[in-house]
Amino acid sequence: MDRPAIHDVRLLFHVKGLKNILLSNDNRSIIDRVDEKSNKDIRLKDIVHDDIIIQTTVHNTDNVSVIIACSDNPIEIEDPLSLSKLTGGLTRVEERLQQEINYHYSKITSNTSEQESQRVSIPYHMNRIVTMWHFGHDSSHSYSGESFEITWKESLDILFHFYSKKRRMLKATSQ
């Protein structure tokens, strides 16, 4: 933790109809479980990419949340290779979901042109909204909400400045 790093990154995007597409596919190899008791969320099987775990949940609202779990192996923000590993993991989520959508459309219409099979598509990972990330060590302080949400591309464009300042101790004077 001696270098600026992020971990436990959470991203969000929306794909209309994705939940129904996943549930209608006869090949459910990417689905880990479906919450049948309350919210009907679909939890996909984790993707393990190098030393990060990518957790994906398709919500009943067709919002998709992605969690990059890497508390033990934070992503160094000054290291391009570390950031590319994270971006590569996000690309894997994108490709996995797009394959499921393409499979769905290939089953419902056998004479579908390539253009028609792309009716539903997964948004490019650079356009996903980062809803939370941890910088450095975990703490009880956090910042969240719409005013702190940016796209993944915007986060890579930001120049992060971290500094520390040793404070001068003032001696108490007695009078």
C-alpha atoms as a PDB file:
ATOM      1  CA  MET A   1       0.000   0.000   0.000  1.00  0.00           C
ATOM      2  CA  ASP A   2       2.971   2.323  -0.463  1.00  0.00           C
ATOM      3  CA  ARG A   3       1.716   3.318  -3.927  1.00  0.00           C
ATOM      4  CA  PRO A   4      -1.587   4.949  -4.956  1.00  0.00           C
ATOM      5  CA  ALA A   5      -4.006   2.133  -5.705  1.00  0.00           C
ATOM      6  CA  ILE A   6      -7.707   1.371  -6.051  1.00  0.00           C
ATOM      7  CA  HIS A   7      -9.658  -1.736  -5.140  1.00  0.00           C
ATOM      8  CA  ASP A   8     -13.205  -3.055  -4.871  1.00  0.00           C
ATOM      9  CA  VAL A   9     -14.350  -1.102  -7.918  1.00  0.00           C
ATOM     10  CA  ARG A  10     -18.099  -1.166  -8.639  1.00  0.00           C
ATOM     11  CA  LEU A  11     -19.540  -0.339 -12.034  1.00  0.00           C
ATOM     12  CA  LEU A  12     -23.069  -0.142 -13.405  1.00  0.00           C
ATOM     13  CA  PHE A  13     -24.689  -0.257 -16.844  1.00  0.00           C
ATOM     14  CA  HIS A  14     -28.127  -1.005 -18.294  1.00  0.00           C
ATOM     15  CA  VAL A  15     -29.121  -3.485 -21.006  1.00  0.00           C
ATOM     16  CA  LYS A  16     -32.830  -3.585 -21.775  1.00  0.00           C
ATOM     17  CA  GLY A  17     -34.139  -7.165 -21.846  1.00  0.00           C
ATOM     18  CA  LEU A  18     -30.911  -8.810 -20.662  1.00  0.00           C
ATOM     19  CA  LYS A  19     -32.499 -10.585 -17.698  1.00  0.00           C
ATOM     20  CA  ASN A  20     -35.141 -12.228 -19.901  1.00  0.00           C
ATOM     21  CA  ILE A  21     -32.540 -13.166 -22.513  1.00  0.00           C
ATOM     22  CA  LEU A  22     -30.370 -14.904 -19.924  1.00  0.00           C
ATOM     23  CA  LEU A  23     -33.300 -16.770 -18.419  1.00  0.00           C
ATOM     24  CA  SER A  24     -34.631 -17.888 -21.811  1.00  0.00           C
ATOM     25  CA  ASN A  25     -31.341 -19.403 -22.992  1.00  0.00           C
ATOM     26  CA  ASP A  26     -31.241 -23.182 -22.622  1.00  0.00           C
ATOM     27  CA  ASN A  27     -27.491 -22.952 -22.080  1.00  0.00           C
ATOM     28  CA  ARG A  28     -27.159 -21.325 -18.670  1.00  0.00           C
ATOM     29  CA  SER A  29     -23.521 -22.135 -18.113  1.00  0.00           C
ATOM     30  CA  ILE A  30     -22.637 -18.582 -17.063  1.00  0.00           C
ATOM     31  CA  ILE A  31     -25.399 -18.358 -14.406  1.00  0.00           C
ATOM     32  CA  ASP A  32     -24.329 -19.155 -10.870  1.00  0.00           C
ATOM     33  CA  ARG A  33     -27.730 -18.643  -9.241  1.00  0.00           C
ATOM     34  CA  VAL A  34     -31.055 -16.831  -9.510  1.00  0.00           C
ATOM     35  CA  ASP A  35     -32.591 -15.293  -6.401  1.00  0.00           C
ATOM     36  CA  GLU A  36     -36.011 -16.929  -6.479  1.00  0.00           C
ATOM     37  CA  LYS A  37     -37.107 -15.629  -3.051  1.00  0.00           C
ATOM     38  CA  SER A  38     -36.978 -11.870  -3.292  1.00  0.00           C
ATOM     39  CA  ASN A  39     -35.481  -9.716  -6.047  1.00  0.00           C
ATOM     40  CA  LYS A  40     -34.998 -12.284  -8.868  1.00  0.00           C
ATOM     41  CA  ASP A  41     -31.451 -11.039  -9.485  1.00  0.00           C
ATOM     42  CA  ILE A  42     -29.221 -13.258 -11.608  1.00  0.00           C
ATOM     43  CA  ARG A  43     -25.724 -13.796 -10.241  1.00  0.00           C
ATOM     44  CA  LEU A  44     -23.283 -14.898 -12.927  1.00  0.00           C
ATOM     45  CA  LYS A  45     -20.319 -17.149 -12.275  1.00  0.00           C
ATOM     46  CA  ASP A  46     -17.261 -15.185 -11.226  1.00  0.00           C
ATOM     47  CA  ILE A  47     -14.524 -14.421 -13.711  1.00  0.00           C
ATOM     48  CA  VAL A  48     -11.055 -14.872 -12.280  1.00  0.00           C
ATOM     49  CA  HIS A  49      -8.597 -12.716 -14.206  1.00  0.00           C
ATOM     50  CA  ASP A  50      -5.017 -12.816 -12.935  1.00  0.00           C
ATOM     51  CA  ASP A  51      -5.384 -11.897  -9.262  1.00  0.00           C
ATOM     52  CA  ILE A  52      -8.771 -10.137  -9.429  1.00  0.00           C
ATOM     53  CA  ILE A  53     -12.266 -11.587  -9.165  1.00  0.00           C
ATOM     54  CA  ILE A  54     -15.036 -10.082 -11.273  1.00  0.00           C
ATOM     55  CA  GLN A  55     -18.552 -10.523  -9.914  1.00  0.00           C
ATOM     56  CA  THR A  56     -21.513  -9.732 -12.174  1.00  0.00           C
ATOM     57  CA  THR A  57     -25.176  -9.418 -11.195  1.00  0.00           C
ATOM     58  CA  VAL A  58     -28.049  -8.799 -13.609  1.00  0.00           C
ATOM     59  CA  HIS A  59     -30.806  -7.127 -11.636  1.00  0.00           C
ATOM     60  CA  ASN A  60     -34.555  -7.377 -12.170  1.00  0.00           C
ATOM     61  CA  THR A  61     -34.406  -3.829 -13.578  1.00  0.00           C
ATOM     62  CA  ASP A  62     -31.935  -4.927 -16.315  1.00  0.00           C
ATOM     63  CA  ASN A  63     -29.229  -2.930 -14.576  1.00  0.00           C
ATOM     64  CA  VAL A  64     -25.977  -4.850 -14.470  1.00  0.00           C
ATOM     65  CA  SER A  65     -23.574  -4.353 -11.605  1.00  0.00           C
ATOM     66  CA  VAL A  66     -19.983  -5.435 -11.842  1.00  0.00           C
ATOM     67  CA  ILE A  67     -17.701  -5.673  -8.829  1.00  0.00           C
ATOM     68  CA  ILE A  68     -13.957  -5.916  -9.289  1.00  0.00           C
ATOM     69  CA  ALA A  69     -12.950  -7.613  -6.034  1.00  0.00           C
ATOM     70  CA  CYS A  70      -9.264  -7.052  -5.458  1.00  0.00           C
ATOM     71  CA  SER A  71      -8.800  -5.933  -1.837  1.00  0.00           C
ATOM     72  CA  ASP A  72      -5.754  -8.152  -1.420  1.00  0.00           C
ATOM     73  CA  ASN A  73      -4.278  -7.081  -4.765  1.00  0.00           C
ATOM     74  CA  PRO A  74      -5.095  -3.406  -5.338  1.00  0.00           C
ATOM     75  CA  ILE A  75      -4.746  -1.950  -8.818  1.00  0.00           C
ATOM     76  CA  GLU A  76      -1.887   0.548  -8.899  1.00  0.00           C
ATOM     77  CA  ILE A  77      -3.154   3.646 -10.665  1.00  0.00           C
ATOM     78  CA  GLU A  78       0.306   4.753 -11.766  1.00  0.00           C
ATOM     79  CA  ASP A  79       1.027   1.413 -13.436  1.00  0.00           C
ATOM     80  CA  PRO A  80      -0.365   1.123 -16.984  1.00  0.00           C
ATOM     81  CA  LEU A  81      -0.082  -2.686 -16.897  1.00  0.00           C
ATOM     82  CA  SER A  82      -2.113  -2.860 -13.711  1.00  0.00           C
ATOM     83  CA  LEU A  83      -4.829  -0.642 -15.169  1.00  0.00           C
ATOM     84  CA  SER A  84      -4.861  -2.650 -18.408  1.00  0.00           C
ATOM     85  CA  LYS A  85      -5.439  -5.819 -16.354  1.00  0.00           C
ATOM     86  CA  LEU A  86      -8.525  -4.201 -14.862  1.00  0.00           C
ATOM     87  CA  THR A  87      -9.742  -2.994 -18.257  1.00  0.00           C
ATOM     88  CA  GLY A  88      -9.124  -6.488 -19.666  1.00  0.00           C
ATOM     89  CA  GLY A  89     -11.354  -7.942 -16.968  1.00  0.00           C
ATOM     90  CA  LEU A  90     -14.127  -5.519 -17.885  1.00  0.00           C
ATOM     91  CA  THR A  91     -13.770  -6.537 -21.518  1.00  0.00           C
ATOM     92  CA  ARG A  92     -14.281 -10.184 -20.529  1.00  0.00           C
ATOM     93  CA  VAL A  93     -17.619  -9.296 -18.926  1.00  0.00           C
ATOM     94  CA  GLU A  94     -18.626  -7.411 -22.069  1.00  0.00           C
ATOM     95  CA  GLU A  95     -17.736 -10.303 -24.390  1.00  0.00           C
ATOM     96  CA  ARG A  96     -19.350 -12.957 -22.177  1.00  0.00           C
ATOM     97  CA  LEU A  97     -22.690 -11.159 -22.044  1.00  0.00           C
ATOM     98  CA  GLN A  98     -22.648 -10.309 -25.754  1.00  0.00           C
ATOM     99  CA  GLN A  99     -22.108 -14.002 -26.584  1.00  0.00           C
ATOM    100  CA  GLU A 100     -25.218 -14.888 -24.560  1.00  0.00           C
ATOM    101  CA  ILE A 101     -27.248 -12.256 -26.410  1.00  0.00           C
ATOM    102  CA  ASN A 102     -25.998 -13.480 -29.803  1.00  0.00           C
ATOM    103  CA  TYR A 103     -26.804 -17.080 -28.819  1.00  0.00           C
ATOM    104  CA  HIS A 104     -30.340 -16.028 -27.833  1.00  0.00           C
ATOM    105  CA  TYR A 105     -31.022 -14.324 -31.178  1.00  0.00           C
ATOM    106  CA  SER A 106     -29.506 -17.183 -33.167  1.00  0.00           C
ATOM    107  CA  LYS A 107     -31.982 -19.576 -31.513  1.00  0.00           C
ATOM    108  CA  ILE A 108     -35.130 -17.503 -32.073  1.00  0.00           C
ATOM    109  CA  THR A 109     -34.535 -16.728 -35.739  1.00  0.00           C
ATOM    110  CA  SER A 110     -32.432 -18.986 -37.883  1.00  0.00           C
ATOM    111  CA  ASN A 111     -32.340 -16.590 -40.866  1.00  0.00           C
ATOM    112  CA  THR A 112     -31.313 -13.493 -38.956  1.00  0.00           C
ATOM    113  CA  SER A 113     -28.763 -11.249 -40.580  1.00  0.00           C
ATOM    114  CA  GLU A 114     -25.727 -10.199 -38.579  1.00  0.00           C
ATOM    115  CA  GLN A 115     -27.173  -6.687 -38.204  1.00  0.00           C
ATOM    116  CA  GLU A 116     -30.469  -7.968 -36.771  1.00  0.00           C
ATOM    117  CA  SER A 117     -28.688 -10.241 -34.302  1.00  0.00           C
ATOM    118  CA  GLN A 118     -27.067  -7.174 -32.754  1.00  0.00           C
ATOM    119  CA  ARG A 119     -30.392  -5.603 -31.686  1.00  0.00           C
ATOM    120  CA  VAL A 120     -29.346  -5.773 -28.058  1.00  0.00           C
ATOM    121  CA  SER A 121     -25.738  -5.048 -27.281  1.00  0.00           C
ATOM    122  CA  ILE A 122     -23.612  -4.691 -24.200  1.00  0.00           C
ATOM    123  CA  PRO A 123     -22.320  -1.138 -23.723  1.00  0.00           C
ATOM    124  CA  TYR A 124     -18.623  -0.582 -24.272  1.00  0.00           C
ATOM    125  CA  HIS A 125     -16.824  -1.008 -20.947  1.00  0.00           C
ATOM    126  CA  MET A 126     -15.304   2.473 -21.093  1.00  0.00           C
ATOM    127  CA  ASN A 127     -18.826   3.950 -20.893  1.00  0.00           C
ATOM    128  CA  ARG A 128     -19.867   2.097 -17.742  1.00  0.00           C
ATOM    129  CA  ILE A 129     -20.528   4.191 -14.666  1.00  0.00           C
ATOM    130  CA  VAL A 130     -18.152   3.741 -11.740  1.00  0.00           C
ATOM    131  CA  THR A 131     -20.406   3.912  -8.681  1.00  0.00           C
ATOM    132  CA  MET A 132     -17.757   3.199  -6.042  1.00  0.00           C
ATOM    133  CA  TRP A 133     -14.084   2.501  -5.611  1.00  0.00           C
ATOM    134  CA  HIS A 134     -11.738   2.402  -2.688  1.00  0.00           C
ATOM    135  CA  PHE A 135      -8.480   4.306  -2.729  1.00  0.00           C
ATOM    136  CA  GLY A 136      -5.622   2.950  -0.642  1.00  0.00           C
ATOM    137  CA  HIS A 137      -6.659   1.357   2.646  1.00  0.00           C
ATOM    138  CA  ASP A 138     -10.245   0.613   3.638  1.00  0.00           C
ATOM    139  CA  SER A 139     -11.700   3.099   6.070  1.00  0.00           C
ATOM    140  CA  SER A 140     -15.039   4.090   7.525  1.00  0.00           C
ATOM    141  CA  HIS A 141     -15.134   7.228   5.339  1.00  0.00           C
ATOM    142  CA  SER A 142     -16.598   6.910   1.872  1.00  0.00           C
ATOM    143  CA  TYR A 143     -17.993   9.111  -0.845  1.00  0.00           C
ATOM    144  CA  SER A 144     -20.816   7.935  -3.058  1.00  0.00           C
ATOM    145  CA  GLY A 145     -23.787   9.188  -4.973  1.00  0.00           C
ATOM    146  CA  GLU A 146     -24.433  10.554  -8.413  1.00  0.00           C
ATOM    147  CA  SER A 147     -22.092  13.522  -8.000  1.00  0.00           C
ATOM    148  CA  PHE A 148     -19.155  11.108  -7.575  1.00  0.00           C
ATOM    149  CA  GLU A 149     -20.093   8.770 -10.444  1.00  0.00           C
ATOM    150  CA  ILE A 150     -18.094   8.924 -13.680  1.00  0.00           C
ATOM    151  CA  THR A 151     -17.488   6.587 -16.592  1.00  0.00           C
ATOM    152  CA  TRP A 152     -14.551   4.200 -16.564  1.00  0.00           C
ATOM    153  CA  LYS A 153     -13.021   6.166 -19.484  1.00  0.00           C
ATOM    154  CA  GLU A 154     -13.253   9.400 -17.499  1.00  0.00           C
ATOM    155  CA  SER A 155     -11.540   7.712 -14.567  1.00  0.00           C
ATOM    156  CA  LEU A 156      -8.609   6.748 -16.780  1.00  0.00           C
ATOM    157  CA  ASP A 157      -8.379  10.326 -18.077  1.00  0.00           C
ATOM    158  CA  ILE A 158      -8.106  11.804 -14.601  1.00  0.00           C
ATOM    159  CA  LEU A 159      -4.694  12.685 -13.345  1.00  0.00           C
ATOM    160  CA  PHE A 160      -4.538  11.581  -9.731  1.00  0.00           C
ATOM    161  CA  HIS A 161      -2.463  13.654  -7.339  1.00  0.00           C
ATOM    162  CA  PHE A 162      -1.668  12.154  -3.980  1.00  0.00           C
ATOM    163  CA  TYR A 163       0.465  13.900  -1.462  1.00  0.00           C
ATOM    164  CA  SER A 164       1.088  13.884   2.236  1.00  0.00           C
ATOM    165  CA  LYS A 165       2.110  16.739   4.410  1.00  0.00           C
ATOM    166  CA  LYS A 166       3.785  16.513   7.751  1.00  0.00           C
ATOM    167  CA  ARG A 167       2.019  18.906  10.084  1.00  0.00           C
ATOM    168  CA  ARG A 168       3.999  21.057  12.418  1.00  0.00           C
ATOM    169  CA  MET A 169       3.187  20.432  16.059  1.00  0.00           C
ATOM    170  CA  LEU A 170       2.450  23.638  17.931  1.00  0.00           C
ATOM    171  CA  LYS A 171       3.675  23.722  21.488  1.00  0.00           C
ATOM    172  CA  ALA A 172       1.085  24.732  23.981  1.00  0.00           C
ATOM    173  CA  THR A 173       2.142  27.758  25.940  1.00  0.00           C
ATOM    174  CA  SER A 174       1.106  28.114  29.534  1.00  0.00           C
ATOM    175  CA  GLN A 175       0.177  31.470  30.908  1.00  0.00           C
END
